Amino acid sequence: MANIRKRSENSYVFSVDLGFDAKGKRLRRYKTHRIGDKALLKTRKKLKDHLESEYHKFKAEVLSEEYIKPEKMLFSKFVVDWENKFAVKKLSETTLNKQLNHLQTHILPVIGHQQIDKIKTIHLIDLLDKTKRVDGLPLKSSTKEDIYKVLKSVFDRAVEWKVLKTTPVTGVPKPKIDDVEESSVYDEEEVASLFEAAINEPFHWRIYLMLSLAAGFRRSECLGLEWKHVDLEKGTLDITQVIVRGKSGSVIKTPKSKKSKRLVSIPSSVVEELKHYKLHWKKEKMKSRDMWIENEHEWLFCNEDGTHFYPTTPTTWWRRFTKRVNVRFIRLHDLRHTSATLLINQGVHAKIISERLGHSDIKVAMNTYGHALRKADHEAANKLDTLFIKKS
């Protein structure tokens, strides 16, 4: 057939004529077909039948517009398109930053150099199975799930934009998330020791620790607090905005869910500390004079010029502080978990805890603090024990 041309000993080129474009240029689609079965090459009739069959399949795809011309586009090049044409428009700053980090750290070093149409399902399975953390330790199942989501998003766009006909992610088993690991938390004695160790720290860090433990605030929620969100008479804090890390720096935004926007009550002892801190804050502002450049916001936690802390500043301070004063290190975020665990131990209902922490669903609290809740439930059962013991 004129539309089947031999290219080498075991490869042939198929061509389908699509007529002419508006400028009179002839349109054709080409495909190289390689034959792996050497037996076919030795039998002229079987070879002819095979080639004609494959050609007609190709022609049908082209005419039905299902055929996508392979492009020599590297995966890393397509990721740039994915970022600019999809990710920056559809994803939040936090999610975008997280997904770009996974791409740079775990994905691009492995498959970035490959042509996107040459990446197979097995390549992605190997990527998820063999990729390790920077320090060489195995990835957590939750991290593998995040990487899977990024791969799915990128390849879904490739199919949607007609770069690929199908996505290789389809055959990749979604990573199974292990049962939620019990958070490392402080007990009451350790909390007391923590504040003893922090007594000589700057006032704003002591307040930061208080709000993390007394209200269970996230780092981003603490940083987003302004004095207008603090009601010292009612003893409440209003979470209406957060500060997170974005691609090009810090970003002020609304909380990630409706439940995250909330009014939280704090203990009277913390209210008194906040009153002292507010006076201290005003004095520091007066001392700064011309250095103070922030005129739009009154951040509780700010630099000497009144601007808010960068999102990673509390974490950096926390690591250095725990090491300096020899306090058992847990993640800064685990102070939030400590807050929840202490409330559970005091018999506070999971629904109330969930609302205080701004969980989107009570199931989050039940799953995250299941161990502590089971322990509290067991102790509650023991308190009823005397009701069922016969009295002599």
Protein backbone atom coordinates (compact mmCIF):
# COMPACT_ATOMS: atom_id res chain seq x y z
CA MET A 1 0.00 0.00 0.00
CA ALA A 2 1.17 3.51 -0.83
CA ASN A 3 0.37 4.65 2.69
CA ILE A 4 2.63 2.01 4.25
CA ARG A 5 6.33 2.61 3.68
CA LYS A 6 9.20 0.42 4.85
CA ARG A 7 11.64 2.36 6.99
CA SER A 8 14.07 -0.31 8.14
CA GLU A 9 14.24 -4.06 8.55
CA ASN A 10 11.54 -4.17 11.23
CA SER A 11 9.82 -0.77 11.09
CA TYR A 12 7.26 0.81 8.78
CA VAL A 13 5.78 4.31 8.49
CA PHE A 14 2.00 4.73 8.19
CA SER A 15 0.56 7.92 6.66
CA VAL A 16 -3.03 9.14 6.49
CA ASP A 17 -4.02 11.91 4.06
CA LEU A 18 -6.34 14.54 5.59
CA GLY A 19 -6.66 16.81 2.56
CA PHE A 20 -5.58 20.45 2.62
CA ASP A 21 -5.64 23.26 5.18
CA ALA A 22 -6.96 26.80 4.57
CA LYS A 23 -3.66 27.81 2.95
CA GLY A 24 -3.64 24.85 0.56
CA LYS A 25 -1.03 22.88 2.50
CA ARG A 26 -1.52 19.10 2.44
CA LEU A 27 -2.25 17.62 5.87
CA ARG A 28 -0.96 14.19 6.82
CA ARG A 29 -0.55 12.20 10.01
CA TYR A 30 2.34 9.79 10.39
CA LYS A 31 3.10 6.92 12.73
CA THR A 32 6.10 4.60 12.97
CA HIS A 33 5.15 0.97 13.58
CA ARG A 34 7.83 -1.45 14.79
CA ILE A 35 7.48 -5.21 14.55
CA GLY A 36 8.85 -7.21 17.44
CA ASP A 37 7.79 -10.64 16.17
CA LYS A 38 10.59 -11.83 13.88
CA ALA A 39 8.40 -14.63 12.54
CA LEU A 40 6.14 -12.05 10.88
CA LEU A 41 9.08 -10.65 8.93
CA LYS A 42 9.71 -14.04 7.35
CA THR A 43 6.18 -14.55 5.96
CA ARG A 44 5.17 -12.04 3.29
CA LYS A 45 1.39 -12.64 3.44
CA LYS A 46 1.17 -12.58 7.25
CA LEU A 47 3.34 -9.47 7.31
CA LYS A 48 1.11 -7.74 4.74
CA ASP A 49 -2.07 -8.68 6.64
CA HIS A 50 -0.56 -7.48 9.92
CA LEU A 51 0.55 -4.15 8.48
CA GLU A 52 -2.80 -3.51 6.80
CA SER A 53 -4.64 -4.32 10.04
CA GLU A 54 -2.47 -1.96 12.09
CA TYR A 55 -2.70 0.73 9.43
CA HIS A 56 -6.50 0.65 9.39
CA LYS A 57 -6.53 0.94 13.18
CA PHE A 58 -4.29 4.00 12.90
CA LYS A 59 -6.40 5.50 10.13
CA ALA A 60 -9.60 5.00 12.14
CA GLU A 61 -8.03 6.79 15.13
CA VAL A 62 -6.92 9.70 12.94
CA LEU A 63 -10.27 10.10 11.22
CA SER A 64 -12.16 9.90 14.52
CA GLU A 65 -9.77 12.55 15.95
CA GLU A 66 -8.69 10.16 18.71
CA TYR A 67 -5.12 10.01 17.46
CA ILE A 68 -2.71 12.34 19.20
CA LYS A 69 0.51 13.07 17.40
CA PRO A 70 3.44 12.21 19.67
CA GLU A 71 5.51 15.26 20.53
CA LYS A 72 9.08 15.20 21.74
CA MET A 73 8.08 17.11 24.86
CA LEU A 74 9.98 16.39 28.04
CA PHE A 75 7.93 15.80 31.17
CA SER A 76 9.76 18.70 32.85
CA LYS A 77 8.70 21.01 30.00
CA PHE A 78 5.06 19.98 30.30
CA VAL A 79 5.17 20.58 34.07
CA VAL A 80 5.93 24.25 33.31
CA ASP A 81 2.75 24.41 31.20
CA TRP A 82 0.81 22.59 33.92
CA GLU A 83 2.00 25.11 36.52
CA ASN A 84 1.28 28.25 34.47
CA LYS A 85 -1.93 27.19 32.75
CA PHE A 86 -3.55 25.20 35.55
CA ALA A 87 -1.87 25.12 38.96
CA VAL A 88 -1.42 28.85 39.57
CA LYS A 89 -5.05 29.46 38.55
CA LYS A 90 -6.79 26.58 40.30
CA LEU A 91 -4.75 25.71 43.39
CA SER A 92 -4.42 27.63 46.63
CA GLU A 93 -1.01 29.11 47.46
CA THR A 94 -0.43 26.47 50.12
CA THR A 95 -1.38 23.54 47.88
CA LEU A 96 0.58 24.94 44.94
CA ASN A 97 3.70 25.39 47.05
CA LYS A 98 3.35 21.87 48.44
CA GLN A 99 2.85 20.27 45.00
CA LEU A 100 5.73 22.18 43.42
CA ASN A 101 7.94 21.02 46.27
CA HIS A 102 7.01 17.37 45.62
CA LEU A 103 7.72 17.87 41.91
CA GLN A 104 11.15 19.37 42.52
CA THR A 105 12.14 16.95 45.30
CA HIS A 106 10.64 13.60 44.32
CA ILE A 107 9.26 13.58 40.76
CA LEU A 108 11.37 15.63 38.34
CA PRO A 109 14.71 14.10 39.43
CA VAL A 110 13.29 10.70 38.42
CA ILE A 111 11.21 11.29 35.26
CA GLY A 112 11.76 14.94 34.38
CA HIS A 113 14.21 14.06 31.60
CA GLN A 114 11.85 11.63 29.86
CA GLN A 115 9.48 12.41 26.98
CA ILE A 116 6.00 12.61 28.42
CA ASP A 117 4.57 10.14 25.89
CA LYS A 118 7.29 7.59 26.79
CA ILE A 119 6.45 7.48 30.51
CA LYS A 120 4.71 4.21 31.34
CA THR A 121 2.70 3.03 34.33
CA ILE A 122 5.62 0.91 35.56
CA HIS A 123 7.85 4.01 35.70
CA LEU A 124 5.39 5.70 38.07
CA ILE A 125 4.98 2.57 40.20
CA ASP A 126 8.78 2.38 40.56
CA LEU A 127 8.89 6.09 41.42
CA LEU A 128 6.44 5.65 44.30
CA ASP A 129 8.09 2.43 45.50
CA LYS A 130 11.72 3.56 45.41
CA THR A 131 11.67 7.29 46.18
CA LYS A 132 13.00 8.13 49.64
CA ARG A 133 13.26 11.21 51.79
CA VAL A 134 16.23 13.55 51.43
CA ASP A 135 17.81 11.91 54.51
CA GLY A 136 17.43 8.45 52.94
CA LEU A 137 14.57 7.26 55.15
CA PRO A 138 11.38 5.77 53.60
CA LEU A 139 8.60 8.17 52.67
CA LYS A 140 5.49 8.29 54.84
CA SER A 141 2.37 6.85 53.24
CA SER A 142 0.77 10.30 53.37
CA THR A 143 3.69 11.75 51.36
CA LYS A 144 3.34 8.99 48.78
CA GLU A 145 -0.35 9.83 48.49
CA ASP A 146 0.53 13.50 47.92
CA ILE A 147 3.02 12.55 45.18
CA TYR A 148 0.37 10.34 43.57
CA LYS A 149 -2.08 13.27 43.55
CA VAL A 150 0.48 15.51 41.82
CA LEU A 151 1.19 12.89 39.16
CA LYS A 152 -2.52 12.40 38.58
CA SER A 153 -3.11 16.12 38.23
CA VAL A 154 -0.26 16.59 35.73
CA PHE A 155 -1.16 13.60 33.55
CA ASP A 156 -4.89 14.36 33.69
CA ARG A 157 -4.12 17.78 32.22
CA ALA A 158 -1.96 16.14 29.53
CA VAL A 159 -4.96 14.05 28.47
CA GLU A 160 -7.36 16.96 28.78
CA TRP A 161 -5.14 19.14 26.58
CA LYS A 162 -4.73 16.37 23.97
CA VAL A 163 -1.02 15.89 24.61
CA LEU A 164 -1.65 12.25 25.57
CA LYS A 165 -4.43 9.88 24.65
CA THR A 166 -4.43 8.10 28.02
CA THR A 167 -2.80 8.67 31.40
CA PRO A 168 -0.25 6.17 32.75
CA VAL A 169 -1.49 6.94 36.26
CA THR A 170 -4.61 4.82 35.59
CA GLY A 171 -2.77 1.58 36.37
CA VAL A 172 -0.89 2.92 39.40
CA PRO A 173 -2.35 1.66 42.71
CA LYS A 174 -3.23 4.61 44.92
CA PRO A 175 -0.95 4.53 47.99
CA LYS A 176 -2.72 3.14 51.01
CA ILE A 177 -2.69 5.50 53.96
CA ASP A 178 -1.59 3.84 57.16
CA ASP A 179 -3.63 4.35 60.29
CA VAL A 180 -3.03 7.84 61.62
CA GLU A 181 0.11 7.80 63.73
CA GLU A 182 -0.32 8.84 67.30
CA SER A 183 0.94 12.38 67.65
CA SER A 184 3.81 13.02 69.99
CA VAL A 185 2.40 15.27 72.72
CA TYR A 186 3.37 16.73 76.08
CA ASP A 187 1.69 15.70 79.31
CA GLU A 188 0.72 18.25 81.98
CA GLU A 189 4.08 18.09 83.74
CA GLU A 190 5.95 18.67 80.49
CA VAL A 191 3.73 21.64 79.66
CA ALA A 192 4.56 23.15 83.06
CA SER A 193 8.28 22.53 82.46
CA LEU A 194 7.96 24.10 79.01
CA PHE A 195 6.67 27.39 80.40
CA GLU A 196 9.33 27.39 83.12
CA ALA A 197 11.95 27.05 80.38
CA ALA A 198 10.31 29.82 78.33
CA ILE A 199 10.16 32.35 81.16
CA ASN A 200 13.21 34.22 79.84
CA GLU A 201 12.14 34.09 76.20
CA PRO A 202 10.77 37.18 74.43
CA PHE A 203 7.20 37.98 75.51
CA HIS A 204 5.71 37.29 72.06
CA TRP A 205 7.03 33.70 72.03
CA ARG A 206 5.53 32.97 75.45
CA ILE A 207 2.17 34.25 74.17
CA TYR A 208 2.58 32.19 71.01
CA LEU A 209 3.05 29.03 73.09
CA MET A 210 0.03 29.90 75.24
CA LEU A 211 -2.26 30.28 72.24
CA SER A 212 -0.96 27.11 70.63
CA LEU A 213 -1.73 25.14 73.79
CA ALA A 214 -4.76 26.97 75.20
CA ALA A 215 -6.60 27.37 71.89
CA GLY A 216 -5.00 24.72 69.70
CA PHE A 217 -4.22 27.23 66.97
CA ARG A 218 -2.30 26.28 63.86
CA ARG A 219 0.89 28.19 63.09
CA SER A 220 -0.82 30.04 60.25
CA GLU A 221 -3.71 31.01 62.55
CA CYS A 222 -1.44 32.46 65.22
CA LEU A 223 0.43 34.51 62.63
CA GLY A 224 -2.82 35.81 61.13
CA LEU A 225 -4.06 37.27 64.43
CA GLU A 226 -4.47 41.05 64.75
CA TRP A 227 -5.48 42.91 67.88
CA LYS A 228 -8.89 43.60 66.35
CA HIS A 229 -9.50 39.83 66.52
CA VAL A 230 -8.89 39.76 70.29
CA ASP A 231 -11.77 40.50 72.68
CA LEU A 232 -10.17 40.83 76.10
CA GLU A 233 -13.51 41.48 77.83
CA LYS A 234 -15.21 38.33 76.53
CA GLY A 235 -12.04 36.28 76.46
CA THR A 236 -12.34 35.23 72.81
CA LEU A 237 -10.15 35.16 69.70
CA ASP A 238 -11.63 35.37 66.23
CA ILE A 239 -9.93 33.34 63.49
CA THR A 240 -10.77 35.05 60.20
CA GLN A 241 -7.45 35.00 58.34
CA VAL A 242 -4.21 33.03 58.18
CA ILE A 243 -0.69 33.65 56.91
CA VAL A 244 0.85 30.85 54.87
CA ARG A 245 3.88 30.34 52.69
CA GLY A 246 3.26 30.74 48.96
CA LYS A 247 5.40 30.34 45.88
CA SER A 248 6.78 33.88 46.02
CA GLY A 249 6.62 34.55 49.76
CA SER A 250 4.04 34.78 52.52
CA VAL A 251 0.34 35.06 51.70
CA ILE A 252 -2.55 36.45 53.78
CA LYS A 253 -5.72 34.49 53.06
CA THR A 254 -8.95 33.24 54.58
CA PRO A 255 -8.87 29.91 56.48
CA LYS A 256 -9.01 26.74 54.39
CA SER A 257 -12.58 25.78 55.35
CA LYS A 258 -15.76 27.29 56.81
CA LYS A 259 -15.18 25.43 60.07
CA SER A 260 -11.69 26.91 60.31
CA LYS A 261 -13.24 30.38 60.62
CA ARG A 262 -14.27 30.33 64.27
CA LEU A 263 -14.50 32.13 67.59
CA VAL A 264 -12.47 30.44 70.33
CA SER A 265 -12.68 31.04 74.07
CA ILE A 266 -9.47 31.14 76.09
CA PRO A 267 -8.78 30.70 79.83
CA SER A 268 -8.91 33.78 82.05
CA SER A 269 -5.22 33.34 82.93
CA VAL A 270 -4.33 33.65 79.22
CA VAL A 271 -6.59 36.73 78.93
CA GLU A 272 -4.62 38.39 81.73
CA GLU A 273 -1.34 37.57 79.97
CA LEU A 274 -2.71 39.03 76.74
CA LYS A 275 -3.60 42.26 78.55
CA HIS A 276 0.02 42.58 79.74
CA TYR A 277 1.27 41.65 76.30
CA LYS A 278 -0.85 44.33 74.63
CA LEU A 279 0.73 47.02 76.82
CA HIS A 280 4.16 45.59 76.04
CA TRP A 281 3.30 45.55 72.30
CA LYS A 282 2.29 49.22 72.36
CA LYS A 283 5.49 50.22 74.16
CA GLU A 284 7.59 48.34 71.60
CA LYS A 285 5.75 50.11 68.79
CA MET A 286 6.49 53.51 70.38
CA LYS A 287 10.17 52.57 70.75
CA SER A 288 10.38 51.66 67.06
CA ARG A 289 9.22 55.13 65.95
CA ASP A 290 10.22 55.64 62.30
CA MET A 291 11.25 52.01 61.94
CA TRP A 292 7.59 50.99 62.18
CA ILE A 293 6.36 50.67 58.59
CA GLU A 294 3.19 48.59 59.03
CA ASN A 295 0.21 50.95 58.96
CA GLU A 296 -2.55 48.65 57.73
CA HIS A 297 -2.42 45.78 60.25
CA GLU A 298 -1.71 45.37 63.96
CA TRP A 299 -0.22 41.87 64.08
CA LEU A 300 0.10 40.18 67.46
CA PHE A 301 3.28 38.51 66.27
CA CYS A 302 5.45 40.91 64.32
CA ASN A 303 8.95 42.09 63.54
CA GLU A 304 10.45 45.31 64.92
CA ASP A 305 8.99 47.22 61.97
CA GLY A 306 5.45 45.93 62.61
CA THR A 307 5.35 43.52 59.66
CA HIS A 308 4.14 40.00 60.33
CA PHE A 309 6.51 37.09 60.87
CA TYR A 310 7.41 34.95 57.87
CA PRO A 311 5.46 31.63 58.04
CA THR A 312 8.51 29.53 58.95
CA THR A 313 9.85 31.89 61.65
CA PRO A 314 8.01 30.21 64.59
CA THR A 315 9.25 26.76 63.53
CA THR A 316 12.84 27.98 63.31
CA TRP A 317 12.60 29.57 66.77
CA TRP A 318 10.96 26.43 68.23
CA ARG A 319 13.72 24.10 67.06
CA ARG A 320 16.43 26.35 68.44
CA PHE A 321 14.56 26.97 71.70
CA THR A 322 13.91 23.31 72.56
CA LYS A 323 17.53 22.47 71.86
CA ARG A 324 18.84 25.44 73.85
CA VAL A 325 16.78 24.75 77.00
CA ASN A 326 16.93 20.95 76.66
CA VAL A 327 13.16 20.42 76.35
CA ARG A 328 11.96 17.21 74.70
CA PHE A 329 11.44 18.08 71.05
CA ILE A 330 8.09 17.56 69.39
CA ARG A 331 6.88 19.31 66.24
CA LEU A 332 5.55 22.81 66.79
CA HIS A 333 2.26 21.60 65.27
CA ASP A 334 2.11 18.94 68.00
CA LEU A 335 1.38 21.66 70.56
CA ARG A 336 -2.03 21.79 68.88
CA HIS A 337 -2.35 18.04 69.38
CA THR A 338 -1.21 18.46 72.97
CA SER A 339 -4.05 20.96 73.49
CA ALA A 340 -6.60 18.47 72.20
CA THR A 341 -5.21 15.60 74.26
CA LEU A 342 -5.27 17.65 77.48
CA LEU A 343 -8.92 18.54 76.83
CA ILE A 344 -9.78 14.88 76.21
CA ASN A 345 -8.13 13.97 79.51
CA GLN A 346 -10.33 16.59 81.20
CA GLY A 347 -13.43 14.88 79.79
CA VAL A 348 -14.29 17.47 77.11
CA HIS A 349 -16.49 16.02 74.35
CA ALA A 350 -14.85 15.32 70.98
CA LYS A 351 -17.35 17.56 69.19
CA ILE A 352 -16.35 20.58 71.28
CA ILE A 353 -12.67 19.82 70.70
CA SER A 354 -13.29 19.49 66.97
CA GLU A 355 -15.02 22.89 66.88
CA ARG A 356 -12.24 24.56 68.89
CA LEU A 357 -9.58 23.19 66.54
CA GLY A 358 -11.53 24.13 63.42
CA HIS A 359 -11.79 20.63 61.98
CA SER A 360 -13.97 20.32 58.90
CA ASP A 361 -15.58 17.18 60.38
CA ILE A 362 -15.69 15.55 63.81
CA LYS A 363 -14.31 12.41 62.14
CA VAL A 364 -10.96 14.20 61.87
CA ALA A 365 -10.81 14.53 65.64
CA MET A 366 -12.01 10.95 66.15
CA ASN A 367 -9.31 9.60 63.81
CA THR A 368 -6.50 11.84 64.99
CA TYR A 369 -7.12 11.46 68.71
CA GLY A 370 -8.63 7.98 68.70
CA HIS A 371 -6.04 6.58 71.12
CA ALA A 372 -6.58 9.36 73.68
CA LEU A 373 -10.36 9.08 73.33
CA ARG A 374 -10.27 5.32 73.90
CA LYS A 375 -8.15 5.83 77.00
CA ALA A 376 -10.56 8.47 78.32
CA ASP A 377 -13.48 6.17 77.56
CA HIS A 378 -11.84 3.36 79.51
CA GLU A 379 -11.28 5.64 82.51
CA ALA A 380 -14.90 6.82 82.31
CA ALA A 381 -16.07 3.22 82.41
CA ASN A 382 -13.95 2.58 85.50
CA LYS A 383 -15.66 5.48 87.31
CA LEU A 384 -19.00 3.69 86.89
CA ASP A 385 -17.60 0.45 88.23
CA THR A 386 -18.77 1.02 91.81
CA LEU A 387 -22.42 1.22 90.71
CA PHE A 388 -22.44 -2.47 89.86
CA ILE A 389 -20.59 -3.88 92.85
CA LYS A 390 -22.81 -5.48 95.45
CA LYS A 391 -22.53 -3.85 98.82
CA SER A 392 -22.11 -6.18 101.79
